[in-house]
Amino acid sequence: MFKKKQKLRKEYDQKLIELMDTTKNDWMIQSQLINLSFEKSDDLEAITQLAKAKYFFLFQEAKVRKIAIIK
């Protein structure tokens, strides 16, 4: 019974890590778009801030779960 719990925990921890990676890449792409754009758009800045907030939310969740990300 405990092995199943450990297996599920590892599986969802891995999914969280993958989601964090995807979210961070999205945030970085949005940041680069702001840096490269000539006209600053409020919508683009809002999307970038949302992507940043999502990443840090997931980062906090990983911290609570005590997940070590090793690459």
PDB file of N, CA and C in Angstrom:
ATOM      1  N   MET A   1       0.819  -1.185   0.000  1.00  0.00           N
ATOM      2  CA  MET A   1       0.000   0.000   0.000  1.00  0.00           C
ATOM      3  C   MET A   1       0.870   1.260   0.000  1.00  0.00           C
ATOM      4  N   PHE A   2       1.941   1.256   0.759  1.00  0.00           N
ATOM      5  CA  PHE A   2       2.811   2.429   0.816  1.00  0.00           C
ATOM      6  C   PHE A   2       3.633   2.579  -0.456  1.00  0.00           C
ATOM      7  N   LYS A   3       3.914   1.463  -1.126  1.00  0.00           N
ATOM      8  CA  LYS A   3       4.670   1.551  -2.372  1.00  0.00           C
ATOM      9  C   LYS A   3       3.867   2.293  -3.437  1.00  0.00           C
ATOM     10  N   LYS A   4       2.564   2.062  -3.446  1.00  0.00           N
ATOM     11  CA  LYS A   4       1.711   2.744  -4.412  1.00  0.00           C
ATOM     12  C   LYS A   4       1.711   4.250  -4.138  1.00  0.00           C
ATOM     13  N   LYS A   5       1.673   4.610  -2.866  1.00  0.00           N
ATOM     14  CA  LYS A   5       1.684   6.021  -2.499  1.00  0.00           C
ATOM     15  C   LYS A   5       2.990   6.678  -2.932  1.00  0.00           C
ATOM     16  N   GLN A   6       4.105   6.004  -2.714  1.00  0.00           N
ATOM     17  CA  GLN A   6       5.405   6.530  -3.118  1.00  0.00           C
ATOM     18  C   GLN A   6       5.499   6.654  -4.635  1.00  0.00           C
ATOM     19  N   LYS A   7       4.944   5.662  -5.347  1.00  0.00           N
ATOM     20  CA  LYS A   7       4.970   5.687  -6.806  1.00  0.00           C
ATOM     21  C   LYS A   7       4.155   6.873  -7.328  1.00  0.00           C
ATOM     22  N   LEU A   8       2.981   7.089  -6.751  1.00  0.00           N
ATOM     23  CA  LEU A   8       2.151   8.218  -7.166  1.00  0.00           C
ATOM     24  C   LEU A   8       2.831   9.542  -6.856  1.00  0.00           C
ATOM     25  N   ARG A   9       3.464   9.619  -5.708  1.00  0.00           N
ATOM     26  CA  ARG A   9       4.159  10.860  -5.330  1.00  0.00           C
ATOM     27  C   ARG A   9       5.278  11.172  -6.325  1.00  0.00           C
ATOM     28  N   LYS A  10       6.066  10.154  -6.682  1.00  0.00           N
ATOM     29  CA  LYS A  10       7.147  10.370  -7.647  1.00  0.00           C
ATOM     30  C   LYS A  10       6.588  10.782  -9.008  1.00  0.00           C
ATOM     31  N   GLU A  11       5.485  10.156  -9.395  1.00  0.00           N
ATOM     32  CA  GLU A  11       4.868  10.464 -10.681  1.00  0.00           C
ATOM     33  C   GLU A  11       4.389  11.919 -10.726  1.00  0.00           C
ATOM     34  N   TYR A  12       3.696  12.355  -9.692  1.00  0.00           N
ATOM     35  CA  TYR A  12       3.192  13.725  -9.668  1.00  0.00           C
ATOM     36  C   TYR A  12       4.292  14.745  -9.424  1.00  0.00           C
ATOM     37  N   ASP A  13       5.329  14.370  -8.712  1.00  0.00           N
ATOM     38  CA  ASP A  13       6.476  15.261  -8.565  1.00  0.00           C
ATOM     39  C   ASP A  13       7.137  15.492  -9.921  1.00  0.00           C
ATOM     40  N   GLN A  14       7.240  14.428 -10.707  1.00  0.00           N
ATOM     41  CA  GLN A  14       7.830  14.545 -12.042  1.00  0.00           C
ATOM     42  C   GLN A  14       6.959  15.426 -12.939  1.00  0.00           C
ATOM     43  N   LYS A  15       5.649  15.274 -12.840  1.00  0.00           N
ATOM     44  CA  LYS A  15       4.747  16.120 -13.621  1.00  0.00           C
ATOM     45  C   LYS A  15       4.887  17.585 -13.217  1.00  0.00           C
ATOM     46  N   LEU A  16       5.064  17.831 -11.929  1.00  0.00           N
ATOM     47  CA  LEU A  16       5.252  19.200 -11.450  1.00  0.00           C
ATOM     48  C   LEU A  16       6.540  19.792 -11.997  1.00  0.00           C
ATOM     49  N   ILE A  17       7.594  19.011 -12.011  1.00  0.00           N
ATOM     50  CA  ILE A  17       8.871  19.474 -12.548  1.00  0.00           C
ATOM     51  C   ILE A  17       8.741  19.813 -14.035  1.00  0.00           C
ATOM     52  N   GLU A  18       8.054  18.963 -14.780  1.00  0.00           N
ATOM     53  CA  GLU A  18       7.857  19.221 -16.208  1.00  0.00           C
ATOM     54  C   GLU A  18       7.019  20.475 -16.428  1.00  0.00           C
ATOM     55  N   LEU A  19       5.993  20.647 -15.617  1.00  0.00           N
ATOM     56  CA  LEU A  19       5.146  21.834 -15.721  1.00  0.00           C
ATOM     57  C   LEU A  19       5.934  23.094 -15.370  1.00  0.00           C
ATOM     58  N   MET A  20       6.802  22.997 -14.382  1.00  0.00           N
ATOM     59  CA  MET A  20       7.642  24.138 -14.014  1.00  0.00           C
ATOM     60  C   MET A  20       8.563  24.514 -15.174  1.00  0.00           C
ATOM     61  N   ASP A  21       9.126  23.509 -15.828  1.00  0.00           N
ATOM     62  CA  ASP A  21      10.025  23.759 -16.951  1.00  0.00           C
ATOM     63  C   ASP A  21       9.282  24.443 -18.101  1.00  0.00           C
ATOM     64  N   THR A  22       8.102  23.958 -18.402  1.00  0.00           N
ATOM     65  CA  THR A  22       7.289  24.547 -19.468  1.00  0.00           C
ATOM     66  C   THR A  22       6.896  25.976 -19.127  1.00  0.00           C
ATOM     67  N   THR A  23       6.496  26.188 -17.882  1.00  0.00           N
ATOM     68  CA  THR A  23       6.073  27.515 -17.448  1.00  0.00           C
ATOM     69  C   THR A  23       7.246  28.495 -17.458  1.00  0.00           C
ATOM     70  N   LYS A  24       8.410  28.028 -17.055  1.00  0.00           N
ATOM     71  CA  LYS A  24       9.588  28.905 -17.059  1.00  0.00           C
ATOM     72  C   LYS A  24       9.963  29.290 -18.485  1.00  0.00           C
ATOM     73  N   ASN A  25       9.902  28.329 -19.400  1.00  0.00           N
ATOM     74  CA  ASN A  25      10.202  28.635 -20.798  1.00  0.00           C
ATOM     75  C   ASN A  25       9.214  29.657 -21.356  1.00  0.00           C
ATOM     76  N   ASP A  26       7.938  29.505 -21.013  1.00  0.00           N
ATOM     77  CA  ASP A  26       6.921  30.460 -21.454  1.00  0.00           C
ATOM     78  C   ASP A  26       7.218  31.851 -20.904  1.00  0.00           C
ATOM     79  N   TRP A  27       7.588  31.917 -19.643  1.00  0.00           N
ATOM     80  CA  TRP A  27       7.920  33.196 -19.010  1.00  0.00           C
ATOM     81  C   TRP A  27       9.126  33.844 -19.701  1.00  0.00           C
ATOM     82  N   MET A  28      10.148  33.047 -19.998  1.00  0.00           N
ATOM     83  CA  MET A  28      11.345  33.584 -20.640  1.00  0.00           C
ATOM     84  C   MET A  28      11.031  34.088 -22.052  1.00  0.00           C
ATOM     85  N   ILE A  29      10.197  33.363 -22.779  1.00  0.00           N
ATOM     86  CA  ILE A  29       9.812  33.796 -24.129  1.00  0.00           C
ATOM     87  C   ILE A  29       9.061  35.120 -24.061  1.00  0.00           C
ATOM     88  N   GLN A  30       8.132  35.232 -23.126  1.00  0.00           N
ATOM     89  CA  GLN A  30       7.380  36.481 -22.972  1.00  0.00           C
ATOM     90  C   GLN A  30       8.305  37.637 -22.593  1.00  0.00           C
ATOM     91  N   SER A  31       9.273  37.366 -21.740  1.00  0.00           N
ATOM     92  CA  SER A  31      10.234  38.413 -21.337  1.00  0.00           C
ATOM     93  C   SER A  31      11.064  38.877 -22.530  1.00  0.00           C
ATOM     94  N   GLN A  32      11.475  37.928 -23.353  1.00  0.00           N
ATOM     95  CA  GLN A  32      12.251  38.291 -24.540  1.00  0.00           C
ATOM     96  C   GLN A  32      11.418  39.107 -25.522  1.00  0.00           C
ATOM     97  N   LEU A  33      10.133  38.773 -25.628  1.00  0.00           N
ATOM     98  CA  LEU A  33       9.259  39.547 -26.512  1.00  0.00           C
ATOM     99  C   LEU A  33       9.158  40.999 -26.054  1.00  0.00           C
ATOM    100  N   ILE A  34       9.066  41.195 -24.750  1.00  0.00           N
ATOM    101  CA  ILE A  34       9.013  42.568 -24.227  1.00  0.00           C
ATOM    102  C   ILE A  34      10.314  43.301 -24.531  1.00  0.00           C
ATOM    103  N   ASN A  35      11.442  42.626 -24.345  1.00  0.00           N
ATOM    104  CA  ASN A  35      12.734  43.268 -24.586  1.00  0.00           C
ATOM    105  C   ASN A  35      12.946  43.602 -26.058  1.00  0.00           C
ATOM    106  N   LEU A  36      12.395  42.783 -26.950  1.00  0.00           N
ATOM    107  CA  LEU A  36      12.601  42.994 -28.376  1.00  0.00           C
ATOM    108  C   LEU A  36      11.574  43.932 -29.020  1.00  0.00           C
ATOM    109  N   SER A  37      10.479  44.173 -28.338  1.00  0.00           N
ATOM    110  CA  SER A  37       9.423  44.983 -28.943  1.00  0.00           C
ATOM    111  C   SER A  37       9.745  46.480 -28.832  1.00  0.00           C
ATOM    112  N   PHE A  38       9.362  47.211 -29.860  1.00  0.00           N
ATOM    113  CA  PHE A  38       9.585  48.654 -29.889  1.00  0.00           C
ATOM    114  C   PHE A  38       8.529  49.382 -29.078  1.00  0.00           C
ATOM    115  N   GLU A  39       7.298  48.916 -29.192  1.00  0.00           N
ATOM    116  CA  GLU A  39       6.199  49.538 -28.468  1.00  0.00           C
ATOM    117  C   GLU A  39       5.825  48.657 -27.281  1.00  0.00           C
ATOM    118  N   LYS A  40       5.840  49.231 -26.115  1.00  0.00           N
ATOM    119  CA  LYS A  40       5.482  48.477 -24.920  1.00  0.00           C
ATOM    120  C   LYS A  40       3.963  48.338 -24.849  1.00  0.00           C
ATOM    121  N   SER A  41       3.490  47.114 -24.794  1.00  0.00           N
ATOM    122  CA  SER A  41       2.062  46.845 -24.747  1.00  0.00           C
ATOM    123  C   SER A  41       1.680  46.420 -23.323  1.00  0.00           C
ATOM    124  N   ASP A  42       0.599  47.002 -22.826  1.00  0.00           N
ATOM    125  CA  ASP A  42       0.127  46.625 -21.493  1.00  0.00           C
ATOM    126  C   ASP A  42      -0.314  45.170 -21.459  1.00  0.00           C
ATOM    127  N   ASP A  43      -0.904  44.715 -22.558  1.00  0.00           N
ATOM    128  CA  ASP A  43      -1.351  43.319 -22.621  1.00  0.00           C
ATOM    129  C   ASP A  43      -0.159  42.363 -22.550  1.00  0.00           C
ATOM    130  N   LEU A  44       0.887  42.686 -23.281  1.00  0.00           N
ATOM    131  CA  LEU A  44       2.080  41.835 -23.285  1.00  0.00           C
ATOM    132  C   LEU A  44       2.734  41.813 -21.905  1.00  0.00           C
ATOM    133  N   GLU A  45       2.770  42.955 -21.253  1.00  0.00           N
ATOM    134  CA  GLU A  45       3.338  43.006 -19.907  1.00  0.00           C
ATOM    135  C   GLU A  45       2.487  42.217 -18.916  1.00  0.00           C
ATOM    136  N   ALA A  46       1.171  42.266 -19.075  1.00  0.00           N
ATOM    137  CA  ALA A  46       0.273  41.508 -18.195  1.00  0.00           C
ATOM    138  C   ALA A  46       0.452  40.012 -18.398  1.00  0.00           C
ATOM    139  N   ILE A  47       0.605  39.594 -19.646  1.00  0.00           N
ATOM    140  CA  ILE A  47       0.822  38.172 -19.940  1.00  0.00           C
ATOM    141  C   ILE A  47       2.147  37.712 -19.344  1.00  0.00           C
ATOM    142  N   THR A  48       3.153  38.564 -19.436  1.00  0.00           N
ATOM    143  CA  THR A  48       4.467  38.227 -18.872  1.00  0.00           C
ATOM    144  C   THR A  48       4.388  38.108 -17.349  1.00  0.00           C
ATOM    145  N   GLN A  49       3.708  39.034 -16.713  1.00  0.00           N
ATOM    146  CA  GLN A  49       3.569  38.980 -15.254  1.00  0.00           C
ATOM    147  C   GLN A  49       2.772  37.752 -14.819  1.00  0.00           C
ATOM    148  N   LEU A  50       1.769  37.371 -15.607  1.00  0.00           N
ATOM    149  CA  LEU A  50       0.988  36.172 -15.313  1.00  0.00           C
ATOM    150  C   LEU A  50       1.848  34.926 -15.428  1.00  0.00           C
ATOM    151  N   ALA A  51       2.673  34.857 -16.467  1.00  0.00           N
ATOM    152  CA  ALA A  51       3.575  33.712 -16.641  1.00  0.00           C
ATOM    153  C   ALA A  51       4.573  33.638 -15.479  1.00  0.00           C
ATOM    154  N   LYS A  52       5.065  34.776 -15.049  1.00  0.00           N
ATOM    155  CA  LYS A  52       6.001  34.829 -13.916  1.00  0.00           C
ATOM    156  C   LYS A  52       5.315  34.360 -12.631  1.00  0.00           C
ATOM    157  N   ALA A  53       4.088  34.819 -12.406  1.00  0.00           N
ATOM    158  CA  ALA A  53       3.346  34.423 -11.209  1.00  0.00           C
ATOM    159  C   ALA A  53       3.064  32.926 -11.200  1.00  0.00           C
ATOM    160  N   LYS A  54       2.730  32.375 -12.371  1.00  0.00           N
ATOM    161  CA  LYS A  54       2.486  30.930 -12.459  1.00  0.00           C
ATOM    162  C   LYS A  54       3.748  30.149 -12.096  1.00  0.00           C
ATOM    163  N   TYR A  55       4.892  30.598 -12.628  1.00  0.00           N
ATOM    164  CA  TYR A  55       6.150  29.894 -12.348  1.00  0.00           C
ATOM    165  C   TYR A  55       6.473  29.934 -10.859  1.00  0.00           C
ATOM    166  N   PHE A  56       6.347  31.097 -10.246  1.00  0.00           N
ATOM    167  CA  PHE A  56       6.691  31.195  -8.831  1.00  0.00           C
ATOM    168  C   PHE A  56       5.696  30.463  -7.942  1.00  0.00           C
ATOM    169  N   PHE A  57       4.442  30.364  -8.379  1.00  0.00           N
ATOM    170  CA  PHE A  57       3.472  29.550  -7.646  1.00  0.00           C
ATOM    171  C   PHE A  57       3.893  28.087  -7.664  1.00  0.00           C
ATOM    172  N   LEU A  58       4.268  27.598  -8.844  1.00  0.00           N
ATOM    173  CA  LEU A  58       4.724  26.212  -8.957  1.00  0.00           C
ATOM    174  C   LEU A  58       6.029  26.000  -8.192  1.00  0.00           C
ATOM    175  N   PHE A  59       6.887  27.011  -8.198  1.00  0.00           N
ATOM    176  CA  PHE A  59       8.145  26.931  -7.456  1.00  0.00           C
ATOM    177  C   PHE A  59       7.883  26.775  -5.961  1.00  0.00           C
ATOM    178  N   GLN A  60       6.923  27.539  -5.454  1.00  0.00           N
ATOM    179  CA  GLN A  60       6.556  27.430  -4.035  1.00  0.00           C
ATOM    180  C   GLN A  60       6.000  26.040  -3.724  1.00  0.00           C
ATOM    181  N   GLU A  61       5.194  25.492  -4.621  1.00  0.00           N
ATOM    182  CA  GLU A  61       4.642  24.152  -4.423  1.00  0.00           C
ATOM    183  C   GLU A  61       5.761  23.116  -4.384  1.00  0.00           C
ATOM    184  N   ALA A  62       6.741  23.263  -5.249  1.00  0.00           N
ATOM    185  CA  ALA A  62       7.880  22.343  -5.244  1.00  0.00           C
ATOM    186  C   ALA A  62       8.662  22.479  -3.944  1.00  0.00           C
ATOM    187  N   LYS A  63       8.768  23.678  -3.443  1.00  0.00           N
ATOM    188  CA  LYS A  63       9.470  23.913  -2.185  1.00  0.00           C
ATOM    189  C   LYS A  63       8.728  23.255  -1.023  1.00  0.00           C
ATOM    190  N   VAL A  64       7.397  23.354  -1.018  1.00  0.00           N
ATOM    191  CA  VAL A  64       6.595  22.732   0.033  1.00  0.00           C
ATOM    192  C   VAL A  64       6.733  21.211  -0.016  1.00  0.00           C
ATOM    193  N   ARG A  65       6.768  20.669  -1.228  1.00  0.00           N
ATOM    194  CA  ARG A  65       6.900  19.216  -1.400  1.00  0.00           C
ATOM    195  C   ARG A  65       8.336  18.721  -1.220  1.00  0.00           C
ATOM    196  N   LYS A  66       9.266  19.680  -1.094  1.00  0.00           N
ATOM    197  CA  LYS A  66      10.684  19.371  -0.914  1.00  0.00           C
ATOM    198  C   LYS A  66      11.234  18.579  -2.094  1.00  0.00           C
ATOM    199  N   ILE A  67      10.947  19.090  -3.277  1.00  0.00           N
ATOM    200  CA  ILE A  67      11.413  18.455  -4.502  1.00  0.00           C
ATOM    201  C   ILE A  67      12.743  19.079  -4.907  1.00  0.00           C
ATOM    202  N   ALA A  68      13.728  18.251  -5.147  1.00  0.00           N
ATOM    203  CA  ALA A  68      15.022  18.727  -5.616  1.00  0.00           C
ATOM    204  C   ALA A  68      15.077  18.542  -7.126  1.00  0.00           C
ATOM    205  N   ILE A  69      15.307  19.633  -7.836  1.00  0.00           N
ATOM    206  CA  ILE A  69      15.388  19.577  -9.294  1.00  0.00           C
ATOM    207  C   ILE A  69      16.854  19.500  -9.694  1.00  0.00           C
ATOM    208  N   ILE A  70      17.219  18.372 -10.232  1.00  0.00           N
ATOM    209  CA  ILE A  70      18.614  18.131 -10.621  1.00  0.00           C
ATOM    210  C   ILE A  70      18.651  17.918 -12.128  1.00  0.00           C
ATOM    211  N   LYS A  71      19.479  18.715 -12.790  1.00  0.00           N
ATOM    212  CA  LYS A  71      19.616  18.563 -14.250  1.00  0.00           C
ATOM    213  C   LYS A  71      21.022  18.255 -14.600  1.00  0.00           C
TER     214      LYS A  71
END
